Amino acid sequence: MLNKVIDYIKENKLIQQGDQILVALSGGPDSVCLLHILYELKDKFNLTLGAIHINHMLRGEESDKDEKYIVKLCDELGINHYVKRINIEYVSKTANVSLEVAGRNERYKAFEEIRTKHGYNKIAVAHNANDQAETVLMRIMRGTGLEGLTGIKANREDGIIRPILCLNRQEIEKYCEEKRLNPRIDASNYERIYSRNKIRLDILPYMKEHFNKDIIDTLNRMTILLQKDNEFIEEYSNRCYNIYCENLGGKLKISRELFNKEMDSIITRVIIRAFKEISNSHQNFEMKHIYEIVNLANKDTGKKLNLTNKIICENLYGDIIFSKEEKHKEELCDNHEIRIDKNEIYEKVVFDNYTMSFEIIENKDKVEFSKNSLIKLFDYDNIEKEIVIRYRKDGDKIVPLGMNGSKKLKDIFIDLKIPREERNNIPILCFDDKISWIVGYKTSQLFKVTKDTKKILKITMDRKE
């Protein structure tokens, strides 16, 4: 089996001599098998290995046992390991996404953080042949095109590699048994409340019994064939993108010539890439949006579409112009906010383009005041109940640091010469009903750290450009 993985690694150029690889390690059979196989190949490829484990804090004592298991395993193998605890349930509620989406986003964010900090050049994840088959079936049922049918890629441009995508689950379990690795088993994998589990536990076994006993291998062979075809189409469509698309500084133009000269399959891919370039995401962008854009290209100049992810699409003399929707937050100001109980401060909170990190410091002798305008210290004990992050509202006032009386935010923005169009995009941090921080600009006198302060709340805002 080791030779099978070696051949797969070489065929797909996944690993080069001297690579420094961070392994995503959940503690389950797949990731444990992956870690151990790379450990076995360490000398052959002159690898430096590390492992990262994310404790999602979803399964109580079982999650903690997973964490202890991977620490013990890595210590036995002499592999550096990094453990990060993230309250995924809280992240899910705060970001208003499913547990699965929240978990995946936080995992990959943590992977990248550790990779950058410790100098790993690749991240290995443990997708296998069964995962591939399940993914393809899920995409078929949701509706997909050729690219969706190509499934999971063996490697990605961002350094994510999948060295055991060639192994099926039976081979993985046999390897773990032979090596006496005793991986952890997540009971949630057998709960039929998740669509993927229904495919794994019901649909694939039914197909295997009644239609094709080698259905896993068959679906994997299909993805490999389609990947080769898709590569050719992708290469051509990327050439077309460079010919027909132009970045106009915050806007993106697709020339009318694309719609006149190219086939539908190429037009579709160019539109998808253009949308992704302007929005930094293609999440929630569906085929219906592509049809709407194609129809728009055939209409009179000046016609517009409001697309998902706050993107506007306009016909300008036959050319299609993508632009980001201007952020008018007047409507949001009354209801777009996050509330956090002061006793339930978690590691990170996401608010639009900002990520907030909190730290409670009990020894103020060790505190250093930062010159960074996005890092501030506050008197934690002066907060009665909760922390609120929102945008400004009419009539908002703050008691600026060094003053006794309050001042309207509107007047502060005028004094600071902040353009009118930017004012509604500045986060406002409140403790209870009092404004404590106009993020990046002013803090409040009411919550400043003094000689009598016992606990300090350090808040760091990280802004995504």
Protein backbone atom coordinates (compact mmCIF):
# COMPACT_ATOMS: atom_id res chain seq x y z
CA MET A 1 0.00 0.00 0.00
CA LEU A 2 2.92 2.30 0.71
CA ASN A 3 4.10 1.85 -2.88
CA LYS A 4 0.63 2.79 -4.10
CA VAL A 5 0.84 6.08 -2.25
CA ILE A 6 4.39 6.71 -3.46
CA ASP A 7 3.28 6.19 -7.07
CA TYR A 8 0.32 8.53 -6.54
CA ILE A 9 2.56 11.20 -4.98
CA LYS A 10 5.01 11.02 -7.90
CA GLU A 11 2.30 10.90 -10.58
CA ASN A 12 0.64 14.05 -9.22
CA LYS A 13 3.90 15.78 -8.17
CA LEU A 14 2.57 16.24 -4.62
CA ILE A 15 5.86 16.12 -2.73
CA GLN A 16 9.41 17.20 -3.55
CA GLN A 17 12.63 16.52 -1.71
CA GLY A 18 12.98 18.63 1.43
CA ASP A 19 9.32 19.65 1.70
CA GLN A 20 8.09 20.90 5.06
CA ILE A 21 4.59 19.48 5.47
CA LEU A 22 1.94 20.38 8.05
CA VAL A 23 -0.52 17.49 8.46
CA ALA A 24 -4.14 18.22 9.38
CA LEU A 25 -4.73 15.68 12.15
CA SER A 26 -8.22 15.08 13.53
CA GLY A 27 -7.32 11.81 15.24
CA GLY A 28 -9.63 9.73 13.02
CA PRO A 29 -8.46 6.80 10.83
CA ASP A 30 -7.92 8.88 7.66
CA SER A 31 -5.70 11.58 9.15
CA VAL A 32 -3.83 9.14 11.40
CA CYS A 33 -3.10 6.93 8.38
CA LEU A 34 -1.91 9.98 6.44
CA LEU A 35 0.40 11.13 9.23
CA HIS A 36 1.90 7.67 9.70
CA ILE A 37 2.44 7.11 5.96
CA LEU A 38 4.24 10.46 5.64
CA TYR A 39 6.28 9.52 8.71
CA GLU A 40 7.25 6.26 6.94
CA LEU A 41 8.24 8.29 3.86
CA LYS A 42 10.08 10.96 5.83
CA ASP A 43 13.57 9.75 5.02
CA LYS A 44 12.76 8.87 1.40
CA PHE A 45 11.68 12.45 0.66
CA ASN A 46 13.78 14.19 3.36
CA LEU A 47 10.59 15.63 4.90
CA THR A 48 10.07 17.89 7.88
CA LEU A 49 6.70 17.04 9.41
CA GLY A 50 4.36 18.86 11.75
CA ALA A 51 0.76 18.18 12.76
CA ILE A 52 -2.09 20.54 13.61
CA HIS A 53 -5.20 19.51 15.52
CA ILE A 54 -8.32 21.65 15.85
CA ASN A 55 -10.47 20.91 18.89
CA HIS A 56 -13.93 22.06 17.75
CA MET A 57 -15.29 21.82 21.31
CA LEU A 58 -18.47 20.17 19.97
CA ARG A 59 -18.32 16.76 21.63
CA GLY A 60 -17.32 17.60 25.18
CA GLU A 61 -15.11 14.95 26.76
CA GLU A 62 -14.74 13.08 23.46
CA SER A 63 -13.18 16.15 21.81
CA ASP A 64 -10.70 16.41 24.67
CA LYS A 65 -9.83 12.72 24.32
CA ASP A 66 -9.16 13.28 20.60
CA GLU A 67 -6.77 16.06 21.53
CA LYS A 68 -4.93 13.93 24.10
CA TYR A 69 -4.66 11.08 21.59
CA ILE A 70 -2.99 13.17 18.88
CA VAL A 71 -0.56 14.74 21.38
CA LYS A 72 0.47 11.25 22.53
CA LEU A 73 0.77 9.96 18.96
CA CYS A 74 2.90 12.89 17.82
CA ASP A 75 5.13 12.63 20.87
CA GLU A 76 5.70 8.93 20.16
CA LEU A 77 6.64 9.69 16.53
CA GLY A 78 8.70 12.74 17.45
CA ILE A 79 6.55 15.09 15.33
CA ASN A 80 5.98 18.72 16.28
CA HIS A 81 2.31 19.32 16.96
CA TYR A 82 0.06 22.36 17.34
CA VAL A 83 -3.33 22.29 19.04
CA LYS A 84 -5.93 25.01 18.68
CA ARG A 85 -9.28 25.12 20.50
CA ILE A 86 -12.10 26.90 18.69
CA ASN A 87 -15.71 27.10 19.86
CA ILE A 88 -17.23 26.22 16.49
CA GLU A 89 -20.80 26.39 17.77
CA TYR A 90 -20.26 30.00 18.79
CA VAL A 91 -18.54 30.85 15.50
CA SER A 92 -21.43 29.22 13.61
CA LYS A 93 -24.04 31.33 15.40
CA THR A 94 -22.02 34.53 15.16
CA ALA A 95 -21.31 34.18 11.43
CA ASN A 96 -24.79 32.74 10.75
CA VAL A 97 -23.41 29.69 8.90
CA SER A 98 -23.74 25.94 9.46
CA LEU A 99 -21.47 24.07 11.84
CA GLU A 100 -19.87 22.32 8.86
CA VAL A 101 -19.07 25.59 7.08
CA ALA A 102 -17.87 27.29 10.27
CA GLY A 103 -15.68 24.29 11.11
CA ARG A 104 -14.11 24.13 7.67
CA ASN A 105 -13.46 27.88 7.50
CA GLU A 106 -11.85 27.96 10.93
CA ARG A 107 -9.76 24.85 10.25
CA TYR A 108 -8.24 26.17 7.07
CA LYS A 109 -7.69 29.58 8.65
CA ALA A 110 -5.78 27.90 11.49
CA PHE A 111 -3.83 25.70 9.07
CA GLU A 112 -2.65 28.75 7.15
CA GLU A 113 -1.78 30.61 10.34
CA ILE A 114 0.46 27.78 11.61
CA ARG A 115 1.97 27.16 8.17
CA THR A 116 3.01 30.80 7.86
CA LYS A 117 4.25 31.10 11.43
CA HIS A 118 6.39 27.95 11.40
CA GLY A 119 7.55 27.90 7.79
CA TYR A 120 5.73 24.87 6.34
CA ASN A 121 5.39 25.01 2.57
CA LYS A 122 2.56 22.46 2.21
CA ILE A 123 -0.51 21.34 4.12
CA ALA A 124 -1.54 17.68 3.81
CA VAL A 125 -5.19 16.76 4.35
CA ALA A 126 -6.60 13.24 4.50
CA HIS A 127 -9.29 13.04 1.85
CA ASN A 128 -9.56 9.53 0.43
CA ALA A 129 -11.23 7.69 -2.47
CA ASN A 130 -14.50 7.28 -0.53
CA ASP A 131 -14.58 11.03 0.16
CA GLN A 132 -14.13 11.57 -3.56
CA ALA A 133 -17.08 9.32 -4.44
CA GLU A 134 -19.28 10.94 -1.79
CA THR A 135 -18.40 14.44 -3.02
CA VAL A 136 -19.23 13.62 -6.64
CA LEU A 137 -22.61 12.11 -5.69
CA MET A 138 -23.46 15.12 -3.51
CA ARG A 139 -22.65 17.50 -6.35
CA ILE A 140 -24.72 15.48 -8.82
CA MET A 141 -27.74 15.67 -6.52
CA ARG A 142 -27.31 19.41 -6.01
CA GLY A 143 -26.72 20.03 -9.70
CA THR A 144 -23.26 20.54 -11.13
CA GLY A 145 -21.29 20.96 -14.33
CA LEU A 146 -18.12 19.37 -15.63
CA GLU A 147 -15.89 21.10 -13.08
CA GLY A 148 -18.04 19.84 -10.20
CA LEU A 149 -17.80 16.28 -11.52
CA THR A 150 -13.99 16.44 -11.39
CA GLY A 151 -14.34 16.17 -7.61
CA ILE A 152 -11.53 16.80 -5.14
CA LYS A 153 -8.13 17.67 -6.64
CA ALA A 154 -4.95 15.89 -5.54
CA ASN A 155 -3.30 19.26 -5.04
CA ARG A 156 -4.21 22.93 -5.10
CA GLU A 157 -2.31 26.04 -6.07
CA ASP A 158 -2.25 27.20 -2.44
CA GLY A 159 -0.13 24.22 -1.32
CA ILE A 160 -2.92 21.92 -0.08
CA ILE A 161 -2.05 18.32 -0.99
CA ARG A 162 -4.02 15.06 -0.62
CA PRO A 163 -1.52 12.17 -0.70
CA ILE A 164 -3.98 9.38 0.22
CA LEU A 165 -6.77 10.32 -2.19
CA CYS A 166 -5.86 7.07 -3.96
CA LEU A 167 -6.74 4.90 -0.93
CA ASN A 168 -10.22 3.71 -0.06
CA ARG A 169 -11.56 3.59 3.47
CA GLN A 170 -11.08 -0.17 3.77
CA GLU A 171 -7.37 0.15 2.92
CA ILE A 172 -6.98 2.96 5.44
CA GLU A 173 -8.64 1.01 8.25
CA LYS A 174 -6.51 -2.05 7.43
CA TYR A 175 -3.33 0.06 7.57
CA CYS A 176 -4.28 1.52 10.96
CA GLU A 177 -5.02 -1.97 12.26
CA GLU A 178 -1.73 -3.42 11.00
CA LYS A 179 0.28 -0.54 12.50
CA ARG A 180 -1.76 -0.71 15.75
CA LEU A 181 -2.49 3.00 15.60
CA ASN A 182 -5.90 2.79 17.34
CA PRO A 183 -7.34 5.99 15.83
CA ARG A 184 -10.24 7.82 17.41
CA ILE A 185 -13.75 7.29 16.03
CA ASP A 186 -16.14 10.25 15.76
CA ALA A 187 -19.64 8.93 16.47
CA SER A 188 -21.18 11.85 14.53
CA ASN A 189 -19.92 10.20 11.32
CA TYR A 190 -22.67 7.62 11.78
CA GLU A 191 -25.51 10.08 12.37
CA ARG A 192 -27.86 10.33 9.41
CA ILE A 193 -28.76 13.95 10.05
CA TYR A 194 -25.99 15.01 7.64
CA SER A 195 -26.38 14.59 3.86
CA ARG A 196 -22.86 13.26 3.41
CA ASN A 197 -23.45 10.61 6.07
CA LYS A 198 -26.60 9.44 4.29
CA ILE A 199 -24.57 9.00 1.11
CA ARG A 200 -21.83 7.19 3.01
CA LEU A 201 -24.10 4.93 5.06
CA ASP A 202 -27.04 4.35 2.72
CA ILE A 203 -26.60 5.35 -0.93
CA LEU A 204 -23.09 4.08 -1.68
CA PRO A 205 -23.65 0.69 0.02
CA TYR A 206 -26.92 0.32 -1.93
CA MET A 207 -25.17 1.12 -5.22
CA LYS A 208 -22.38 -1.27 -4.34
CA GLU A 209 -24.80 -4.12 -3.57
CA HIS A 210 -27.26 -3.65 -6.41
CA PHE A 211 -25.36 -1.96 -9.27
CA ASN A 212 -21.58 -1.98 -9.08
CA LYS A 213 -19.46 -3.56 -6.37
CA ASP A 214 -16.54 -1.35 -7.47
CA ILE A 215 -18.55 1.91 -7.44
CA ILE A 216 -15.90 3.77 -5.39
CA ASP A 217 -13.14 2.95 -7.90
CA THR A 218 -15.47 3.64 -10.83
CA LEU A 219 -16.36 7.13 -9.61
CA ASN A 220 -12.71 7.89 -8.89
CA ARG A 221 -11.69 6.80 -12.39
CA MET A 222 -14.39 9.05 -13.80
CA THR A 223 -13.06 12.07 -11.92
CA ILE A 224 -9.53 11.47 -13.21
CA LEU A 225 -10.74 11.33 -16.83
CA LEU A 226 -12.89 14.43 -16.41
CA GLN A 227 -10.07 16.32 -14.71
CA LYS A 228 -7.94 15.89 -17.85
CA ASP A 229 -10.73 17.20 -20.09
CA ASN A 230 -11.45 20.02 -17.68
CA GLU A 231 -7.80 21.09 -17.64
CA PHE A 232 -7.89 21.71 -21.40
CA ILE A 233 -11.11 23.74 -21.20
CA GLU A 234 -9.78 25.69 -18.21
CA GLU A 235 -6.58 26.56 -20.04
CA TYR A 236 -8.52 27.88 -23.04
CA SER A 237 -11.02 29.80 -20.91
CA ASN A 238 -8.16 31.45 -18.96
CA ARG A 239 -6.71 32.61 -22.28
CA CYS A 240 -10.10 34.05 -23.18
CA TYR A 241 -10.32 35.78 -19.80
CA ASN A 242 -7.02 37.56 -20.50
CA ILE A 243 -8.24 38.56 -23.98
CA TYR A 244 -11.76 39.76 -23.14
CA CYS A 245 -11.55 40.98 -19.52
CA GLU A 246 -10.02 44.15 -18.15
CA ASN A 247 -9.57 45.39 -14.59
CA LEU A 248 -10.67 49.01 -14.37
CA GLY A 249 -9.55 49.71 -10.80
CA GLY A 250 -12.37 48.47 -8.57
CA LYS A 251 -14.47 47.43 -11.56
CA LEU A 252 -14.11 44.60 -14.05
CA LYS A 253 -15.13 44.76 -17.71
CA ILE A 254 -16.04 41.81 -19.95
CA SER A 255 -15.90 42.83 -23.62
CA ARG A 256 -18.99 42.31 -25.75
CA GLU A 257 -16.73 40.30 -28.09
CA LEU A 258 -16.74 37.37 -25.65
CA PHE A 259 -20.47 36.88 -26.12
CA ASN A 260 -20.21 37.21 -29.91
CA LYS A 261 -17.22 34.95 -30.57
CA GLU A 262 -17.00 32.18 -27.95
CA MET A 263 -19.05 29.09 -27.12
CA ASP A 264 -21.39 28.96 -24.14
CA SER A 265 -19.10 26.72 -22.07
CA ILE A 266 -16.26 29.25 -22.36
CA ILE A 267 -18.52 32.24 -21.72
CA THR A 268 -19.76 30.56 -18.54
CA ARG A 269 -16.26 29.98 -17.20
CA VAL A 270 -15.08 33.49 -18.00
CA ILE A 271 -18.11 34.93 -16.19
CA ILE A 272 -17.45 32.74 -13.15
CA ARG A 273 -13.83 33.82 -12.98
CA ALA A 274 -14.75 37.48 -13.46
CA PHE A 275 -17.30 37.28 -10.65
CA LYS A 276 -14.77 35.57 -8.38
CA GLU A 277 -12.14 38.23 -9.15
CA ILE A 278 -14.45 41.13 -8.28
CA SER A 279 -16.06 39.57 -5.20
CA ASN A 280 -13.12 37.44 -3.92
CA SER A 281 -15.58 34.55 -3.74
CA HIS A 282 -17.95 32.53 -5.88
CA GLN A 283 -20.02 31.32 -2.95
CA ASN A 284 -23.78 31.52 -3.68
CA PHE A 285 -23.04 32.29 -7.35
CA GLU A 286 -25.23 29.91 -9.33
CA MET A 287 -26.09 29.03 -12.91
CA LYS A 288 -29.19 31.25 -12.76
CA HIS A 289 -26.90 34.26 -12.21
CA ILE A 290 -24.84 33.32 -15.27
CA TYR A 291 -28.00 33.10 -17.41
CA GLU A 292 -29.07 36.52 -16.13
CA ILE A 293 -25.68 38.02 -17.09
CA VAL A 294 -25.77 36.47 -20.57
CA ASN A 295 -29.30 37.86 -21.06
CA LEU A 296 -28.14 41.25 -19.80
CA ALA A 297 -25.41 41.30 -22.48
CA ASN A 298 -28.14 41.16 -25.12
CA LYS A 299 -30.13 44.07 -23.69
CA ASP A 300 -29.93 47.84 -24.01
CA THR A 301 -27.11 49.81 -22.46
CA GLY A 302 -27.69 51.02 -18.90
CA LYS A 303 -29.54 47.93 -17.69
CA LYS A 304 -28.34 46.58 -14.33
CA LEU A 305 -28.49 43.43 -12.21
CA ASN A 306 -28.05 43.11 -8.46
CA LEU A 307 -26.16 39.85 -7.95
CA THR A 308 -25.26 37.85 -4.87
CA ASN A 309 -22.34 38.94 -2.61
CA LYS A 310 -23.28 42.63 -3.17
CA ILE A 311 -22.03 42.71 -6.76
CA ILE A 312 -23.69 44.90 -9.42
CA CYS A 313 -23.57 43.94 -13.09
CA GLU A 314 -24.29 46.55 -15.79
CA ASN A 315 -24.57 46.57 -19.56
CA LEU A 316 -22.50 49.49 -20.83
CA TYR A 317 -22.79 49.69 -24.61
CA GLY A 318 -22.69 45.89 -24.85
CA ASP A 319 -19.77 45.42 -22.46
CA ILE A 320 -20.54 43.87 -19.07
CA ILE A 321 -19.23 45.82 -16.07
CA PHE A 322 -18.95 44.19 -12.63
CA SER A 323 -18.66 46.47 -9.60
CA LYS A 324 -19.06 46.22 -5.86
CA GLU A 325 -22.22 47.62 -4.35
CA GLU A 326 -21.58 50.88 -2.55
CA LYS A 327 -21.78 50.29 1.18
CA HIS A 328 -24.70 52.36 2.43
CA LYS A 329 -25.11 51.12 5.95
CA GLU A 330 -27.87 53.53 7.03
CA GLU A 331 -30.34 50.65 6.81
CA LEU A 332 -28.01 48.27 8.60
CA CYS A 333 -27.21 50.58 11.48
CA ASP A 334 -30.38 49.78 13.38
CA ASN A 335 -30.08 46.00 13.27
CA HIS A 336 -26.61 44.90 12.12
CA GLU A 337 -24.83 44.19 15.37
CA ILE A 338 -23.20 41.46 17.43
CA ARG A 339 -23.74 41.16 21.17
CA ILE A 340 -21.34 39.27 23.44
CA ASP A 341 -21.83 38.58 27.14
CA LYS A 342 -18.77 39.92 29.01
CA ASN A 343 -18.42 36.56 30.77
CA GLU A 344 -18.49 34.61 27.50
CA ILE A 345 -15.73 36.27 25.52
CA TYR A 346 -14.33 33.81 23.02
CA GLU A 347 -11.13 33.94 21.06
CA LYS A 348 -12.38 35.52 17.85
CA VAL A 349 -15.50 37.23 16.53
CA VAL A 350 -16.05 38.13 12.87
CA PHE A 351 -17.86 41.37 12.01
CA ASP A 352 -18.00 42.12 8.28
CA ASN A 353 -14.39 42.86 7.22
CA TYR A 354 -13.03 42.71 10.76
CA THR A 355 -11.97 39.89 13.06
CA MET A 356 -11.93 40.77 16.77
CA SER A 357 -9.67 39.03 19.26
CA PHE A 358 -10.15 39.41 23.02
CA GLU A 359 -7.75 38.93 25.91
CA ILE A 360 -8.41 39.51 29.61
CA ILE A 361 -5.24 40.59 31.44
CA GLU A 362 -5.17 40.44 35.25
CA ASN A 363 -1.65 41.73 35.86
CA LYS A 364 -1.51 45.28 34.52
CA ASP A 365 2.18 45.56 35.38
CA LYS A 366 2.90 43.43 32.31
CA VAL A 367 0.70 45.49 29.99
CA GLU A 368 2.21 47.37 27.08
CA PHE A 369 0.20 50.10 25.37
CA SER A 370 0.34 49.62 21.61
CA LYS A 371 0.69 52.40 19.06
CA ASN A 372 -1.40 50.32 16.67
CA SER A 373 -4.75 52.09 16.19
CA LEU A 374 -6.50 48.70 15.95
CA ILE A 375 -5.29 47.46 19.37
CA LYS A 376 -6.82 49.05 22.47
CA LEU A 377 -7.01 48.39 26.22
CA PHE A 378 -10.10 48.95 28.37
CA ASP A 379 -11.13 48.63 32.02
CA TYR A 380 -12.89 45.26 32.01
CA ASP A 381 -14.60 45.79 35.39
CA ASN A 382 -16.40 48.90 34.11
CA ILE A 383 -18.36 46.74 31.69
CA GLU A 384 -21.61 45.76 33.37
CA LYS A 385 -23.10 43.17 31.05
CA GLU A 386 -22.14 42.97 27.40
CA ILE A 387 -19.97 44.04 24.49
CA VAL A 388 -21.72 45.26 21.33
CA ILE A 389 -20.16 45.76 17.91
CA ARG A 390 -22.23 47.70 15.35
CA TYR A 391 -22.20 50.64 12.97
CA ARG A 392 -23.12 54.21 13.88
CA LYS A 393 -26.67 55.39 14.52
CA ASP A 394 -28.22 58.83 14.41
CA GLY A 395 -27.48 60.76 17.59
CA ASP A 396 -24.52 58.59 18.66
CA LYS A 397 -22.23 60.24 21.21
CA ILE A 398 -18.96 59.36 22.92
CA VAL A 399 -17.02 60.81 25.85
CA PRO A 400 -13.62 61.09 24.11
CA LEU A 401 -10.48 60.15 26.02
CA GLY A 402 -9.25 63.17 28.00
CA MET A 403 -12.65 64.92 28.03
CA ASN A 404 -15.45 65.06 30.57
CA GLY A 405 -18.34 65.86 28.26
CA SER A 406 -19.77 63.89 25.35
CA LYS A 407 -19.41 64.70 21.67
CA LYS A 408 -21.45 63.62 18.66
CA LEU A 409 -19.82 61.08 16.36
CA LYS A 410 -20.88 63.21 13.42
CA ASP A 411 -18.82 66.14 14.76
CA ILE A 412 -15.83 63.89 15.44
CA PHE A 413 -15.91 62.56 11.88
CA ILE A 414 -16.04 66.13 10.55
CA ASP A 415 -13.11 67.17 12.76
CA LEU A 416 -11.09 64.16 11.57
CA LYS A 417 -12.03 64.91 7.94
CA ILE A 418 -13.33 61.40 7.39
CA PRO A 419 -15.15 61.28 4.04
CA ARG A 420 -18.92 61.00 4.33
CA GLU A 421 -19.02 57.73 2.33
CA GLU A 422 -16.60 56.06 4.80
CA ARG A 423 -18.35 56.98 8.03
CA ASN A 424 -20.98 54.24 7.88
CA ASN A 425 -18.28 51.61 7.36
CA ILE A 426 -16.43 52.26 10.63
CA PRO A 427 -17.25 49.74 13.40
CA ILE A 428 -18.47 51.15 16.69
CA LEU A 429 -17.66 49.20 19.87
CA CYS A 430 -19.98 49.66 22.84
CA PHE A 431 -19.88 48.40 26.40
CA ASP A 432 -23.52 48.04 27.38
CA ASP A 433 -25.18 51.18 25.93
CA LYS A 434 -22.06 53.39 25.99
CA ILE A 435 -19.69 53.83 23.05
CA SER A 436 -16.18 52.80 24.06
CA TRP A 437 -14.32 52.86 20.76
CA ILE A 438 -14.72 54.36 17.31
CA VAL A 439 -12.52 51.66 15.84
CA GLY A 440 -9.29 53.05 14.45
CA TYR A 441 -9.94 56.58 15.75
CA LYS A 442 -11.18 57.43 19.25
CA THR A 443 -11.68 55.64 22.59
CA SER A 444 -13.83 56.66 25.54
CA GLN A 445 -12.75 58.27 28.77
CA LEU A 446 -15.30 56.10 30.59
CA PHE A 447 -13.36 52.85 30.07
CA LYS A 448 -9.73 53.97 30.18
CA VAL A 449 -7.19 51.96 32.15
CA THR A 450 -6.23 53.70 35.42
CA LYS A 451 -4.13 52.90 38.49
CA ASP A 452 -7.27 51.45 40.07
CA THR A 453 -7.96 49.06 37.18
CA LYS A 454 -7.85 45.41 38.22
CA LYS A 455 -8.70 43.57 35.00
CA ILE A 456 -7.85 44.83 31.52
CA LEU A 457 -9.66 43.86 28.33
CA LYS A 458 -7.35 43.91 25.32
CA ILE A 459 -9.16 44.03 21.97
CA THR A 460 -7.35 43.55 18.68
CA MET A 461 -9.14 44.27 15.40
CA ASP A 462 -7.80 42.63 12.26
CA ARG A 463 -9.06 44.25 9.07
CA LYS A 464 -9.33 42.30 5.81
CA GLU A 465 -8.61 44.46 2.80
